[in-house]
C-alpha atoms as a PDB file:
ATOM      1  CA  MET A   1      53.199 -95.195 -37.119  1.00  0.00           C
ATOM      2  CA  MET A   2      50.429 -92.492 -36.275  1.00  0.00           C
ATOM      3  CA  THR A   3      52.213 -88.890 -34.555  1.00  0.00           C
ATOM      4  CA  THR A   4      50.410 -86.493 -32.164  1.00  0.00           C
ATOM      5  CA  LYS A   5      51.898 -83.491 -30.560  1.00  0.00           C
ATOM      6  CA  LEU A   6      51.852 -82.943 -26.858  1.00  0.00           C
ATOM      7  CA  SER A   7      49.528 -80.112 -25.073  1.00  0.00           C
ATOM      8  CA  GLN A   8      50.545 -77.567 -22.815  1.00  0.00           C
ATOM      9  CA  LYS A   9      48.770 -79.289 -19.909  1.00  0.00           C
ATOM     10  CA  GLY A  10      50.846 -82.474 -21.301  1.00  0.00           C
ATOM     11  CA  GLN A  11      48.132 -84.294 -22.977  1.00  0.00           C
ATOM     12  CA  ILE A  12      47.396 -86.835 -26.601  1.00  0.00           C
ATOM     13  CA  VAL A  13      45.120 -86.421 -28.553  1.00  0.00           C
ATOM     14  CA  ILE A  14      44.628 -90.848 -29.174  1.00  0.00           C
ATOM     15  CA  PRO A  15      43.753 -90.536 -33.534  1.00  0.00           C
ATOM     16  CA  VAL A  16      40.315 -91.873 -34.128  1.00  0.00           C
ATOM     17  CA  GLU A  17      41.575 -94.838 -35.591  1.00  0.00           C
ATOM     18  CA  LEU A  18      42.848 -96.097 -32.830  1.00  0.00           C
ATOM     19  CA  ARG A  19      40.110 -94.829 -30.708  1.00  0.00           C
ATOM     20  CA  GLU A  20      37.196 -96.819 -32.834  1.00  0.00           C
ATOM     21  CA  ARG A  21      39.544 -99.748 -33.059  1.00  0.00           C
ATOM     22  CA  TYR A  22      40.441-100.734 -29.256  1.00  0.00           C
ATOM     23  CA  ASN A  23      36.586 -99.425 -27.984  1.00  0.00           C
ATOM     24  CA  ILE A  24      38.862 -96.992 -26.304  1.00  0.00           C
ATOM     25  CA  GLU A  25      35.443 -93.792 -25.467  1.00  0.00           C
ATOM     26  CA  PRO A  26      35.150 -90.324 -23.540  1.00  0.00           C
ATOM     27  CA  GLY A  27      35.996 -91.708 -19.614  1.00  0.00           C
ATOM     28  CA  SER A  28      37.965 -95.145 -21.046  1.00  0.00           C
ATOM     29  CA  THR A  29      40.855 -96.008 -19.560  1.00  0.00           C
ATOM     30  CA  VAL A  30      43.861 -96.980 -19.791  1.00  0.00           C
ATOM     31  CA  GLU A  31      47.597 -97.824 -18.670  1.00  0.00           C
ATOM     32  CA  LEU A  32      51.036 -95.910 -19.946  1.00  0.00           C
ATOM     33  CA  MET A  33      53.883 -98.234 -19.666  1.00  0.00           C
ATOM     34  CA  ASP A  34      57.318 -97.852 -20.408  1.00  0.00           C
ATOM     35  CA  ILE A  35      58.285-100.866 -22.263  1.00  0.00           C
ATOM     36  CA  GLY A  36      61.860-101.043 -23.616  1.00  0.00           C
ATOM     37  CA  GLY A  37      62.127 -97.191 -23.696  1.00  0.00           C
ATOM     38  CA  GLU A  38      59.002 -97.313 -25.313  1.00  0.00           C
ATOM     39  CA  ILE A  39      55.903 -95.168 -23.463  1.00  0.00           C
ATOM     40  CA  VAL A  40      53.219 -98.254 -24.504  1.00  0.00           C
ATOM     41  CA  ILE A  41      49.136 -97.298 -24.123  1.00  0.00           C
ATOM     42  CA  ILE A  42      46.723-100.339 -23.223  1.00  0.00           C
ATOM     43  CA  PRO A  43      43.435 -99.366 -23.252  1.00  0.00           C
ATOM     44  CA  ILE A  44      41.558-101.688 -19.927  1.00  0.00           C
ATOM     45  CA  SER A  45      38.359-102.472 -20.359  1.00  0.00           C
ATOM     46  CA  ILE A  46      36.547-103.619 -17.092  1.00  0.00           C
ATOM     47  CA  LYS A  47      32.554-104.972 -18.552  1.00  0.00           C
ATOM     48  CA  SER A  48      31.490-105.758 -15.180  1.00  0.00           C
ATOM     49  CA  PRO A  49      33.323-106.450 -11.393  1.00  0.00           C
ATOM     50  CA  ILE A  50      31.895-109.908 -12.458  1.00  0.00           C
ATOM     51  CA  ASP A  51      32.846-110.254 -15.352  1.00  0.00           C
ATOM     52  CA  GLU A  52      36.290-109.115 -14.548  1.00  0.00           C
ATOM     53  CA  ALA A  53      36.395-111.463 -11.617  1.00  0.00           C
ATOM     54  CA  LYS A  54      35.438-114.738 -13.811  1.00  0.00           C
ATOM     55  CA  GLY A  55      38.396-117.251 -14.162  1.00  0.00           C
ATOM     56  CA  PHE A  56      39.937-115.817 -10.693  1.00  0.00           C
ATOM     57  CA  LEU A  57      39.179-117.905  -8.529  1.00  0.00           C
ATOM     58  CA  LYS A  58      40.763-121.096 -11.444  1.00  0.00           C
ATOM     59  CA  GLY A  59      43.335-119.110 -10.828  1.00  0.00           C
ATOM     60  CA  GLY A  60      43.898-118.081 -14.650  1.00  0.00           C
ATOM     61  CA  ARG A  61      45.230-114.975 -15.763  1.00  0.00           C
ATOM     62  CA  SER A  62      43.634-111.442 -16.450  1.00  0.00           C
ATOM     63  CA  THR A  63      41.745-109.987 -18.746  1.00  0.00           C
ATOM     64  CA  ARG A  64      44.253-107.456 -17.958  1.00  0.00           C
ATOM     65  CA  GLU A  65      47.468-109.782 -17.714  1.00  0.00           C
ATOM     66  CA  LEU A  66      46.525-111.624 -20.972  1.00  0.00           C
ATOM     67  CA  LEU A  67      45.934-107.791 -22.670  1.00  0.00           C
ATOM     68  CA  ARG A  68      49.648-106.632 -21.321  1.00  0.00           C
ATOM     69  CA  ALA A  69      51.205-109.887 -22.607  1.00  0.00           C
ATOM     70  CA  ALA A  70      48.966-109.442 -25.739  1.00  0.00           C
ATOM     71  CA  ARG A  71      50.176-105.654 -26.872  1.00  0.00           C
ATOM     72  CA  ARG A  72      53.993-107.251 -25.875  1.00  0.00           C
ATOM     73  CA  GLU A  73      53.930-109.556 -28.647  1.00  0.00           C
ATOM     74  CA  GLU A  74      52.252-107.105 -30.954  1.00  0.00           C
ATOM     75  CA  LEU A  75      55.336-104.253 -30.372  1.00  0.00           C
ATOM     76  CA  ARG A  76      57.855-107.608 -30.116  1.00  0.00           C
ATOM     77  CA  LEU A  77      56.625-108.387 -33.695  1.00  0.00           C
ATOM     78  CA  GLU A  78      55.723-104.866 -35.038  1.00  0.00           C
ATOM     79  CA  ARG A  79      59.595-104.372 -33.888  1.00  0.00           C
ATOM     80  CA  LYS A  80      61.266-107.081 -36.138  1.00  0.00           C
ATOM     81  CA  LYS A  81      59.942-105.780 -38.449  1.00  0.00           C
ATOM     82  CA  LYS A  82      61.900-102.601 -39.256  1.00  0.00           C
END
């Protein structure tokens, strides 16, 4: 678990270890979700519109959906450890 403070402008700093692990760089997009009363930050990595659209016509799940599902499962397992 990592702790950070909220600035006067409502901003937070994501610790360097997490930025490096999830390839979050200045200008990166993240999504905030409320899952079970907890705020979850999900990095959104869009390589290119073509890469993002792969599998779209096949009816497959989008990268974003797969990432959300993986994060939810990770959170579930973390909660189970406690």
